[in-house]
Amino acid sequence: MQEQFDAFITAGYDPDKVDRVSAAAGVAHKSLVPLVGMPMAWHVVQALAESDRIGEIVVVGIEPEEIDFGVPVHHVPNQPSLWASQNAGLRKLRDLNGEDRYVLALSADIALLTGTIVDSFIEACKPLEQEVYWGIVGKDVMLNAFPDSKRTYLPLREGSFCSSDLYLGRLSAGFQIQERIRYFIENRKNVLAQVWKLGLPAMVKFLLRRLAIADLVDVAYRIAGIHGSPVVLQLAEAGMDVDKPEQLVQVRDYLARHPDHPANGRGRNSTAAEDGA
């Protein structure tokens, strides 16, 4: 069974569109927003580096001179959309190694990501019998840690869940579903738009609060042609991405209240190294 996984991070941005988070932080784009003195995307790369399960790391959307990650990464230029960023990340991983294998995909705004979360997600995907896995976090878990996070939740029979922006899948499956899931990527913040695309039976179940995880898996196969499975994570940090200025405030408050979080140690260690240089 595969034990090490290459990964790509989507850190792109639209230069013609004002991003509220980067504007509030006074930086060029969201991936550069500082947390504990270091850019948000830097922390995501460090989280991958903290795991011994990660091989090559590809960053899409950040130029080499923008961030010194301190660990080896492959840079891919900024792309015009999230779909294009994901496609570029997949292509780069294929260029590095054409073997059909499981790879990890994630976004640069999972600010509280840690190596432990990465390992937990990979472990939860075992025994790697599906083509694609995606992480979800229960609403109760999120609200317990971040009561004001205002995440988008999908109500299912098993409970309400939000995405964690962590995906593990075969390289071939990623290319297979790129065009088919473009609609869902572009409407990822609109739950009704996503469910409507799943068809009338799914829409009825959704409105009656009877939609189940098994229904989503079934429809995903019919639409995308792949066998996949969600992975329920009991770690709120995995579901706390930073899409709004108020969520950035919450993440910073969380780090202030949790001095033992790895992000705090990373930031202090990096600052001390720069001061001593």
C-alpha atoms as a PDB file:
ATOM      1  CA  MET A   1       0.000   0.000   0.000  1.00  0.00           C
ATOM      2  CA  GLN A   2       1.187   3.499  -0.848  1.00  0.00           C
ATOM      3  CA  GLU A   3       2.749   5.202   2.164  1.00  0.00           C
ATOM      4  CA  GLN A   4       4.000   8.534   0.799  1.00  0.00           C
ATOM      5  CA  PHE A   5       1.950  11.074  -1.116  1.00  0.00           C
ATOM      6  CA  ASP A   6       2.841  14.036  -3.300  1.00  0.00           C
ATOM      7  CA  ALA A   7       0.688  17.120  -2.759  1.00  0.00           C
ATOM      8  CA  PHE A   8      -0.377  20.320  -4.464  1.00  0.00           C
ATOM      9  CA  ILE A   9      -1.677  23.487  -2.818  1.00  0.00           C
ATOM     10  CA  THR A  10      -3.990  25.920  -4.607  1.00  0.00           C
ATOM     11  CA  ALA A  11      -2.931  29.444  -3.617  1.00  0.00           C
ATOM     12  CA  GLY A  12      -4.137  31.369  -6.661  1.00  0.00           C
ATOM     13  CA  TYR A  13      -6.033  34.638  -6.854  1.00  0.00           C
ATOM     14  CA  ASP A  14      -7.833  36.919  -9.297  1.00  0.00           C
ATOM     15  CA  PRO A  15      -5.735  40.105  -9.713  1.00  0.00           C
ATOM     16  CA  ASP A  16      -8.814  41.962 -10.999  1.00  0.00           C
ATOM     17  CA  LYS A  17     -10.979  41.096  -8.010  1.00  0.00           C
ATOM     18  CA  VAL A  18     -10.678  42.604  -4.530  1.00  0.00           C
ATOM     19  CA  ASP A  19     -10.311  39.933  -1.874  1.00  0.00           C
ATOM     20  CA  ARG A  20     -11.710  41.093   1.470  1.00  0.00           C
ATOM     21  CA  VAL A  21      -9.245  39.068   3.542  1.00  0.00           C
ATOM     22  CA  SER A  22      -6.090  40.316   1.803  1.00  0.00           C
ATOM     23  CA  ALA A  23      -7.470  43.871   1.725  1.00  0.00           C
ATOM     24  CA  ALA A  24      -8.098  43.768   5.476  1.00  0.00           C
ATOM     25  CA  ALA A  25      -4.557  42.464   6.056  1.00  0.00           C
ATOM     26  CA  GLY A  26      -2.953  44.923   3.636  1.00  0.00           C
ATOM     27  CA  VAL A  27      -1.254  42.317   1.430  1.00  0.00           C
ATOM     28  CA  ALA A  28      -1.362  41.586  -2.316  1.00  0.00           C
ATOM     29  CA  HIS A  29      -3.350  38.360  -2.057  1.00  0.00           C
ATOM     30  CA  LYS A  30      -4.792  36.036   0.569  1.00  0.00           C
ATOM     31  CA  SER A  31      -1.989  33.479   0.672  1.00  0.00           C
ATOM     32  CA  LEU A  32       0.344  36.208   1.968  1.00  0.00           C
ATOM     33  CA  VAL A  33      -1.858  37.141   4.957  1.00  0.00           C
ATOM     34  CA  PRO A  34       0.362  36.914   8.052  1.00  0.00           C
ATOM     35  CA  LEU A  35      -0.263  34.550  10.947  1.00  0.00           C
ATOM     36  CA  VAL A  36       2.220  34.586  13.826  1.00  0.00           C
ATOM     37  CA  GLY A  37       4.501  36.661  11.616  1.00  0.00           C
ATOM     38  CA  MET A  38       4.499  34.309   8.621  1.00  0.00           C
ATOM     39  CA  PRO A  39       2.261  34.071   5.512  1.00  0.00           C
ATOM     40  CA  MET A  40      -0.753  31.783   5.692  1.00  0.00           C
ATOM     41  CA  ALA A  41       0.440  29.646   2.755  1.00  0.00           C
ATOM     42  CA  TRP A  42       3.808  29.231   4.510  1.00  0.00           C
ATOM     43  CA  HIS A  43       2.027  27.580   7.437  1.00  0.00           C
ATOM     44  CA  VAL A  44       0.208  25.153   5.127  1.00  0.00           C
ATOM     45  CA  VAL A  45       3.490  24.091   3.530  1.00  0.00           C
ATOM     46  CA  GLN A  46       5.056  23.659   6.979  1.00  0.00           C
ATOM     47  CA  ALA A  47       2.142  21.443   8.013  1.00  0.00           C
ATOM     48  CA  LEU A  48       2.862  19.181   5.035  1.00  0.00           C
ATOM     49  CA  ALA A  49       6.560  19.190   5.889  1.00  0.00           C
ATOM     50  CA  GLU A  50       5.711  18.131   9.461  1.00  0.00           C
ATOM     51  CA  SER A  51       4.245  14.907   8.100  1.00  0.00           C
ATOM     52  CA  ASP A  52       6.565  12.101   7.036  1.00  0.00           C
ATOM     53  CA  ARG A  53       3.825  10.936   4.646  1.00  0.00           C
ATOM     54  CA  ILE A  54       4.345  13.783   2.162  1.00  0.00           C
ATOM     55  CA  GLY A  55       6.763  13.666  -0.774  1.00  0.00           C
ATOM     56  CA  GLU A  56       6.869  16.395  -3.427  1.00  0.00           C
ATOM     57  CA  ILE A  57       5.031  19.655  -2.697  1.00  0.00           C
ATOM     58  CA  VAL A  58       3.624  21.836  -5.499  1.00  0.00           C
ATOM     59  CA  VAL A  59       2.360  25.371  -4.821  1.00  0.00           C
ATOM     60  CA  VAL A  60       0.091  26.929  -7.463  1.00  0.00           C
ATOM     61  CA  GLY A  61      -0.178  30.733  -7.496  1.00  0.00           C
ATOM     62  CA  ILE A  62       2.858  31.926  -5.534  1.00  0.00           C
ATOM     63  CA  GLU A  63       6.068  33.147  -7.140  1.00  0.00           C
ATOM     64  CA  PRO A  64       9.389  31.963  -5.636  1.00  0.00           C
ATOM     65  CA  GLU A  65      10.319  35.486  -4.511  1.00  0.00           C
ATOM     66  CA  GLU A  66       7.043  35.997  -2.618  1.00  0.00           C
ATOM     67  CA  ILE A  67       7.625  33.420   0.140  1.00  0.00           C
ATOM     68  CA  ASP A  68      10.695  31.570   1.335  1.00  0.00           C
ATOM     69  CA  PHE A  69       9.126  28.318   2.470  1.00  0.00           C
ATOM     70  CA  GLY A  70      12.354  26.958   3.900  1.00  0.00           C
ATOM     71  CA  VAL A  71      11.607  23.521   2.426  1.00  0.00           C
ATOM     72  CA  PRO A  72      11.749  22.310  -1.202  1.00  0.00           C
ATOM     73  CA  VAL A  73       8.631  23.196  -3.215  1.00  0.00           C
ATOM     74  CA  HIS A  74       7.740  23.357  -6.896  1.00  0.00           C
ATOM     75  CA  HIS A  75       6.171  26.631  -8.040  1.00  0.00           C
ATOM     76  CA  VAL A  76       3.421  26.917 -10.659  1.00  0.00           C
ATOM     77  CA  PRO A  77       2.312  30.391 -11.851  1.00  0.00           C
ATOM     78  CA  ASN A  78      -0.992  31.907 -10.803  1.00  0.00           C
ATOM     79  CA  GLN A  79      -4.048  30.614 -12.696  1.00  0.00           C
ATOM     80  CA  PRO A  80      -7.288  32.427 -13.674  1.00  0.00           C
ATOM     81  CA  SER A  81      -9.624  30.219 -11.602  1.00  0.00           C
ATOM     82  CA  LEU A  82      -9.743  27.553  -8.919  1.00  0.00           C
ATOM     83  CA  TRP A  83     -10.529  24.944 -11.564  1.00  0.00           C
ATOM     84  CA  ALA A  84      -7.464  26.022 -13.578  1.00  0.00           C
ATOM     85  CA  SER A  85      -5.306  25.976 -10.427  1.00  0.00           C
ATOM     86  CA  GLN A  86      -6.335  22.420  -9.639  1.00  0.00           C
ATOM     87  CA  ASN A  87      -5.706  21.364 -13.229  1.00  0.00           C
ATOM     88  CA  ALA A  88      -2.263  23.001 -13.183  1.00  0.00           C
ATOM     89  CA  GLY A  89      -1.424  21.278  -9.894  1.00  0.00           C
ATOM     90  CA  LEU A  90      -2.377  17.888 -11.290  1.00  0.00           C
ATOM     91  CA  ARG A  91      -0.346  18.478 -14.454  1.00  0.00           C
ATOM     92  CA  LYS A  92       2.737  19.446 -12.450  1.00  0.00           C
ATOM     93  CA  LEU A  93       2.488  16.316 -10.311  1.00  0.00           C
ATOM     94  CA  ARG A  94       2.157  14.245 -13.495  1.00  0.00           C
ATOM     95  CA  ASP A  95       5.269  15.947 -14.910  1.00  0.00           C
ATOM     96  CA  LEU A  96       7.187  15.101 -11.730  1.00  0.00           C
ATOM     97  CA  ASN A  97       6.026  11.496 -11.730  1.00  0.00           C
ATOM     98  CA  GLY A  98       3.748  10.005 -14.384  1.00  0.00           C
ATOM     99  CA  GLU A  99       2.846   6.973 -12.261  1.00  0.00           C
ATOM    100  CA  ASP A 100      -0.856   6.713 -11.407  1.00  0.00           C
ATOM    101  CA  ARG A 101      -0.822   7.116  -7.646  1.00  0.00           C
ATOM    102  CA  TYR A 102      -2.752   8.790  -4.849  1.00  0.00           C
ATOM    103  CA  VAL A 103      -1.987  12.483  -4.420  1.00  0.00           C
ATOM    104  CA  LEU A 104      -3.135  15.059  -1.892  1.00  0.00           C
ATOM    105  CA  ALA A 105      -4.869  18.303  -2.870  1.00  0.00           C
ATOM    106  CA  LEU A 106      -5.554  21.183  -0.499  1.00  0.00           C
ATOM    107  CA  SER A 107      -6.003  24.944  -0.367  1.00  0.00           C
ATOM    108  CA  ALA A 108      -3.644  27.574   1.031  1.00  0.00           C
ATOM    109  CA  ASP A 109      -6.241  29.026   3.396  1.00  0.00           C
ATOM    110  CA  ILE A 110      -6.497  26.057   5.799  1.00  0.00           C
ATOM    111  CA  ALA A 111      -4.564  28.260   8.181  1.00  0.00           C
ATOM    112  CA  LEU A 112      -4.639  25.906  11.180  1.00  0.00           C
ATOM    113  CA  LEU A 113      -3.497  22.795   9.325  1.00  0.00           C
ATOM    114  CA  THR A 114      -0.944  20.631  11.121  1.00  0.00           C
ATOM    115  CA  GLY A 115       1.084  17.567  10.291  1.00  0.00           C
ATOM    116  CA  THR A 116      -1.125  15.612  12.687  1.00  0.00           C
ATOM    117  CA  ILE A 117      -4.244  16.588  10.732  1.00  0.00           C
ATOM    118  CA  VAL A 118      -2.572  15.576   7.459  1.00  0.00           C
ATOM    119  CA  ASP A 119      -1.617  12.197   8.916  1.00  0.00           C
ATOM    120  CA  SER A 120      -5.089  11.685  10.417  1.00  0.00           C
ATOM    121  CA  PHE A 121      -6.771  12.382   7.093  1.00  0.00           C
ATOM    122  CA  ILE A 122      -4.500  10.019   5.161  1.00  0.00           C
ATOM    123  CA  GLU A 123      -4.963   7.320   7.804  1.00  0.00           C
ATOM    124  CA  ALA A 124      -8.757   7.725   7.661  1.00  0.00           C
ATOM    125  CA  CYS A 125      -8.696   7.132   3.900  1.00  0.00           C
ATOM    126  CA  LYS A 126      -7.175   3.673   4.282  1.00  0.00           C
ATOM    127  CA  PRO A 127      -7.275   1.039   2.926  1.00  0.00           C
ATOM    128  CA  LEU A 128      -7.426   3.249  -0.211  1.00  0.00           C
ATOM    129  CA  GLU A 129     -10.166   1.274  -1.920  1.00  0.00           C
ATOM    130  CA  GLN A 130     -11.909   4.323  -3.461  1.00  0.00           C
ATOM    131  CA  GLU A 131     -10.598   6.521  -6.248  1.00  0.00           C
ATOM    132  CA  VAL A 132     -11.181   9.792  -4.385  1.00  0.00           C
ATOM    133  CA  TYR A 133     -11.613  10.809  -0.735  1.00  0.00           C
ATOM    134  CA  TRP A 134     -12.601  14.202   0.633  1.00  0.00           C
ATOM    135  CA  GLY A 135     -12.616  15.468   4.194  1.00  0.00           C
ATOM    136  CA  ILE A 136     -15.728  16.831   5.923  1.00  0.00           C
ATOM    137  CA  VAL A 137     -16.254  18.160   9.445  1.00  0.00           C
ATOM    138  CA  GLY A 138     -19.472  17.996  11.459  1.00  0.00           C
ATOM    139  CA  LYS A 139     -21.286  21.207  12.353  1.00  0.00           C
ATOM    140  CA  ASP A 140     -21.254  20.353  16.053  1.00  0.00           C
ATOM    141  CA  VAL A 141     -17.460  19.923  15.981  1.00  0.00           C
ATOM    142  CA  MET A 142     -17.032  23.239  14.163  1.00  0.00           C
ATOM    143  CA  LEU A 143     -19.368  25.222  16.399  1.00  0.00           C
ATOM    144  CA  ASN A 144     -17.728  23.857  19.533  1.00  0.00           C
ATOM    145  CA  ALA A 145     -14.369  25.317  18.472  1.00  0.00           C
ATOM    146  CA  PHE A 146     -15.506  28.212  16.245  1.00  0.00           C
ATOM    147  CA  PRO A 147     -19.069  29.223  17.183  1.00  0.00           C
ATOM    148  CA  ASP A 148     -18.983  32.269  14.903  1.00  0.00           C
ATOM    149  CA  SER A 149     -17.193  30.739  11.909  1.00  0.00           C
ATOM    150  CA  LYS A 150     -20.230  30.995   9.566  1.00  0.00           C
ATOM    151  CA  ARG A 151     -19.118  28.041   7.488  1.00  0.00           C
ATOM    152  CA  THR A 152     -21.400  26.686   4.752  1.00  0.00           C
ATOM    153  CA  TYR A 153     -22.985  23.411   5.905  1.00  0.00           C
ATOM    154  CA  LEU A 154     -24.744  20.715   3.914  1.00  0.00           C
ATOM    155  CA  PRO A 155     -27.580  19.159   5.961  1.00  0.00           C
ATOM    156  CA  LEU A 156     -27.670  15.362   5.654  1.00  0.00           C
ATOM    157  CA  ARG A 157     -29.436  12.593   7.540  1.00  0.00           C
ATOM    158  CA  GLU A 158     -26.187  11.876   9.372  1.00  0.00           C
ATOM    159  CA  GLY A 159     -25.847  15.536  10.399  1.00  0.00           C
ATOM    160  CA  SER A 160     -24.677  18.804   8.871  1.00  0.00           C
ATOM    161  CA  PHE A 161     -21.153  18.999   7.462  1.00  0.00           C
ATOM    162  CA  CYS A 162     -18.762  21.488   5.923  1.00  0.00           C
ATOM    163  CA  SER A 163     -15.812  20.803   3.651  1.00  0.00           C
ATOM    164  CA  SER A 164     -12.274  20.618   4.971  1.00  0.00           C
ATOM    165  CA  ASP A 165     -10.600  21.362   1.600  1.00  0.00           C
ATOM    166  CA  LEU A 166      -8.557  18.174   1.964  1.00  0.00           C
ATOM    167  CA  TYR A 167      -8.709  15.691  -0.911  1.00  0.00           C
ATOM    168  CA  LEU A 168      -6.876  12.448  -1.621  1.00  0.00           C
ATOM    169  CA  GLY A 169      -7.291  10.682  -4.920  1.00  0.00           C
ATOM    170  CA  ARG A 170      -5.667   8.877  -7.785  1.00  0.00           C
ATOM    171  CA  LEU A 171      -3.945  11.134 -10.275  1.00  0.00           C
ATOM    172  CA  SER A 172      -5.935   9.549 -13.112  1.00  0.00           C
ATOM    173  CA  ALA A 173      -9.221  10.186 -11.288  1.00  0.00           C
ATOM    174  CA  GLY A 174      -8.312  13.844 -10.857  1.00  0.00           C
ATOM    175  CA  PHE A 175      -7.937  14.319 -14.601  1.00  0.00           C
ATOM    176  CA  GLN A 176     -11.041  12.244 -15.317  1.00  0.00           C
ATOM    177  CA  ILE A 177     -13.365  14.428 -13.272  1.00  0.00           C
ATOM    178  CA  GLN A 178     -11.851  17.865 -14.031  1.00  0.00           C
ATOM    179  CA  GLU A 179     -14.410  18.916 -16.650  1.00  0.00           C
ATOM    180  CA  ARG A 180     -17.288  17.105 -14.961  1.00  0.00           C
ATOM    181  CA  ILE A 181     -16.897  18.867 -11.616  1.00  0.00           C
ATOM    182  CA  ARG A 182     -16.233  22.340 -13.003  1.00  0.00           C
ATOM    183  CA  TYR A 183     -19.809  23.398 -12.233  1.00  0.00           C
ATOM    184  CA  PHE A 184     -19.485  22.294  -8.611  1.00  0.00           C
ATOM    185  CA  ILE A 185     -16.204  24.145  -8.121  1.00  0.00           C
ATOM    186  CA  GLU A 186     -17.656  27.356  -9.519  1.00  0.00           C
ATOM    187  CA  ASN A 187     -20.735  27.003  -7.272  1.00  0.00           C
ATOM    188  CA  ARG A 188     -18.989  25.611  -4.196  1.00  0.00           C
ATOM    189  CA  LYS A 189     -20.512  28.305  -1.942  1.00  0.00           C
ATOM    190  CA  ASN A 190     -24.058  27.709  -3.214  1.00  0.00           C
ATOM    191  CA  VAL A 191     -25.445  24.532  -1.633  1.00  0.00           C
ATOM    192  CA  LEU A 192     -28.754  24.659  -3.519  1.00  0.00           C
ATOM    193  CA  ALA A 193     -26.985  25.079  -6.854  1.00  0.00           C
ATOM    194  CA  GLN A 194     -24.866  22.020  -6.134  1.00  0.00           C
ATOM    195  CA  VAL A 195     -27.768  19.849  -5.012  1.00  0.00           C
ATOM    196  CA  TRP A 196     -29.917  20.936  -7.984  1.00  0.00           C
ATOM    197  CA  LYS A 197     -27.207  19.708 -10.341  1.00  0.00           C
ATOM    198  CA  LEU A 198     -27.446  16.298  -8.641  1.00  0.00           C
ATOM    199  CA  GLY A 199     -30.951  15.820 -10.068  1.00  0.00           C
ATOM    200  CA  LEU A 200     -34.581  15.957  -8.942  1.00  0.00           C
ATOM    201  CA  PRO A 201     -34.558  12.901  -6.607  1.00  0.00           C
ATOM    202  CA  ALA A 202     -31.562  14.292  -4.722  1.00  0.00           C
ATOM    203  CA  MET A 203     -33.164  17.741  -4.628  1.00  0.00           C
ATOM    204  CA  VAL A 204     -36.370  16.333  -3.123  1.00  0.00           C
ATOM    205  CA  LYS A 205     -34.420  14.403  -0.504  1.00  0.00           C
ATOM    206  CA  PHE A 206     -32.427  17.531   0.278  1.00  0.00           C
ATOM    207  CA  LEU A 207     -35.567  19.644   0.778  1.00  0.00           C
ATOM    208  CA  LEU A 208     -37.094  16.939   2.985  1.00  0.00           C
ATOM    209  CA  ARG A 209     -33.851  16.670   4.984  1.00  0.00           C
ATOM    210  CA  ARG A 210     -33.501  13.045   3.934  1.00  0.00           C
ATOM    211  CA  LEU A 211     -30.372  13.326   1.810  1.00  0.00           C
ATOM    212  CA  ALA A 212     -27.693  10.942   3.080  1.00  0.00           C
ATOM    213  CA  ILE A 213     -23.961  10.574   2.535  1.00  0.00           C
ATOM    214  CA  ALA A 214     -24.663   7.410   0.529  1.00  0.00           C
ATOM    215  CA  ASP A 215     -26.860   9.443  -1.840  1.00  0.00           C
ATOM    216  CA  LEU A 216     -24.030  11.900  -2.493  1.00  0.00           C
ATOM    217  CA  VAL A 217     -21.578   9.074  -3.138  1.00  0.00           C
ATOM    218  CA  ASP A 218     -24.041   7.430  -5.521  1.00  0.00           C
ATOM    219  CA  VAL A 219     -24.739  10.587  -7.488  1.00  0.00           C
ATOM    220  CA  ALA A 220     -21.040  11.500  -7.556  1.00  0.00           C
ATOM    221  CA  TYR A 221     -20.418   8.236  -9.350  1.00  0.00           C
ATOM    222  CA  ARG A 222     -23.191   8.878 -11.879  1.00  0.00           C
ATOM    223  CA  ILE A 223     -21.976  12.417 -12.603  1.00  0.00           C
ATOM    224  CA  ALA A 224     -18.194  12.121 -12.306  1.00  0.00           C
ATOM    225  CA  GLY A 225     -17.760   8.431 -13.074  1.00  0.00           C
ATOM    226  CA  ILE A 226     -15.550   7.829 -10.054  1.00  0.00           C
ATOM    227  CA  HIS A 227     -15.892   5.861  -6.838  1.00  0.00           C
ATOM    228  CA  GLY A 228     -15.379   8.184  -3.896  1.00  0.00           C
ATOM    229  CA  SER A 229     -16.072   8.533  -0.221  1.00  0.00           C
ATOM    230  CA  PRO A 230     -16.213  11.399   2.284  1.00  0.00           C
ATOM    231  CA  VAL A 231     -14.058  11.120   5.387  1.00  0.00           C
ATOM    232  CA  VAL A 232     -15.521  12.571   8.580  1.00  0.00           C
ATOM    233  CA  LEU A 233     -12.818  14.363  10.559  1.00  0.00           C
ATOM    234  CA  GLN A 234     -13.243  15.189  14.237  1.00  0.00           C
ATOM    235  CA  LEU A 235     -10.782  18.080  13.999  1.00  0.00           C
ATOM    236  CA  ALA A 236     -12.322  21.561  13.731  1.00  0.00           C
ATOM    237  CA  GLU A 237      -9.031  23.093  12.569  1.00  0.00           C
ATOM    238  CA  ALA A 238      -9.344  21.020   9.362  1.00  0.00           C
ATOM    239  CA  GLY A 239     -12.602  22.770   8.518  1.00  0.00           C
ATOM    240  CA  MET A 240     -11.613  26.334   9.385  1.00  0.00           C
ATOM    241  CA  ASP A 241     -10.516  27.922   6.149  1.00  0.00           C
ATOM    242  CA  VAL A 242     -10.214  31.700   5.884  1.00  0.00           C
ATOM    243  CA  ASP A 243     -12.708  33.145   3.396  1.00  0.00           C
ATOM    244  CA  LYS A 244     -13.765  36.259   5.309  1.00  0.00           C
ATOM    245  CA  PRO A 245     -11.968  38.895   7.427  1.00  0.00           C
ATOM    246  CA  GLU A 246     -13.955  37.819  10.482  1.00  0.00           C
ATOM    247  CA  GLN A 247     -12.719  34.257  10.019  1.00  0.00           C
ATOM    248  CA  LEU A 248      -9.144  35.560   9.973  1.00  0.00           C
ATOM    249  CA  VAL A 249      -9.840  37.282  13.305  1.00  0.00           C
ATOM    250  CA  GLN A 250     -11.203  34.016  14.705  1.00  0.00           C
ATOM    251  CA  VAL A 251      -8.136  32.065  13.566  1.00  0.00           C
ATOM    252  CA  ARG A 252      -5.818  34.600  15.176  1.00  0.00           C
ATOM    253  CA  ASP A 253      -7.865  34.523  18.380  1.00  0.00           C
ATOM    254  CA  TYR A 254      -7.750  30.728  18.333  1.00  0.00           C
ATOM    255  CA  LEU A 255      -3.957  30.746  18.072  1.00  0.00           C
ATOM    256  CA  ALA A 256      -3.757  33.263  20.933  1.00  0.00           C
ATOM    257  CA  ARG A 257      -5.901  30.957  23.080  1.00  0.00           C
ATOM    258  CA  HIS A 258      -3.940  27.846  22.088  1.00  0.00           C
ATOM    259  CA  PRO A 259      -0.244  28.679  22.543  1.00  0.00           C
ATOM    260  CA  ASP A 260       0.683  25.013  22.024  1.00  0.00           C
ATOM    261  CA  HIS A 261      -0.692  24.965  18.469  1.00  0.00           C
ATOM    262  CA  PRO A 262       2.168  24.135  16.047  1.00  0.00           C
ATOM    263  CA  ALA A 263       1.589  27.372  14.093  1.00  0.00           C
ATOM    264  CA  ASN A 264       2.708  29.395  17.090  1.00  0.00           C
ATOM    265  CA  GLY A 265       5.949  27.462  17.405  1.00  0.00           C
ATOM    266  CA  ARG A 266       6.640  27.641  13.680  1.00  0.00           C
ATOM    267  CA  GLY A 267       6.184  31.400  13.606  1.00  0.00           C
ATOM    268  CA  ARG A 268       8.378  32.056  16.637  1.00  0.00           C
ATOM    269  CA  ASN A 269      11.120  29.717  15.426  1.00  0.00           C
ATOM    270  CA  SER A 270      11.181  31.323  11.987  1.00  0.00           C
ATOM    271  CA  THR A 271      11.270  34.843  13.411  1.00  0.00           C
ATOM    272  CA  ALA A 272      14.097  33.913  15.746  1.00  0.00           C
ATOM    273  CA  ALA A 273      16.071  32.374  12.867  1.00  0.00           C
ATOM    274  CA  GLU A 274      15.629  35.531  10.773  1.00  0.00           C
ATOM    275  CA  ASP A 275      16.678  37.740  13.684  1.00  0.00           C
ATOM    276  CA  GLY A 276      19.804  35.662  14.179  1.00  0.00           C
ATOM    277  CA  ALA A 277      20.729  35.662  10.510  1.00  0.00           C
END
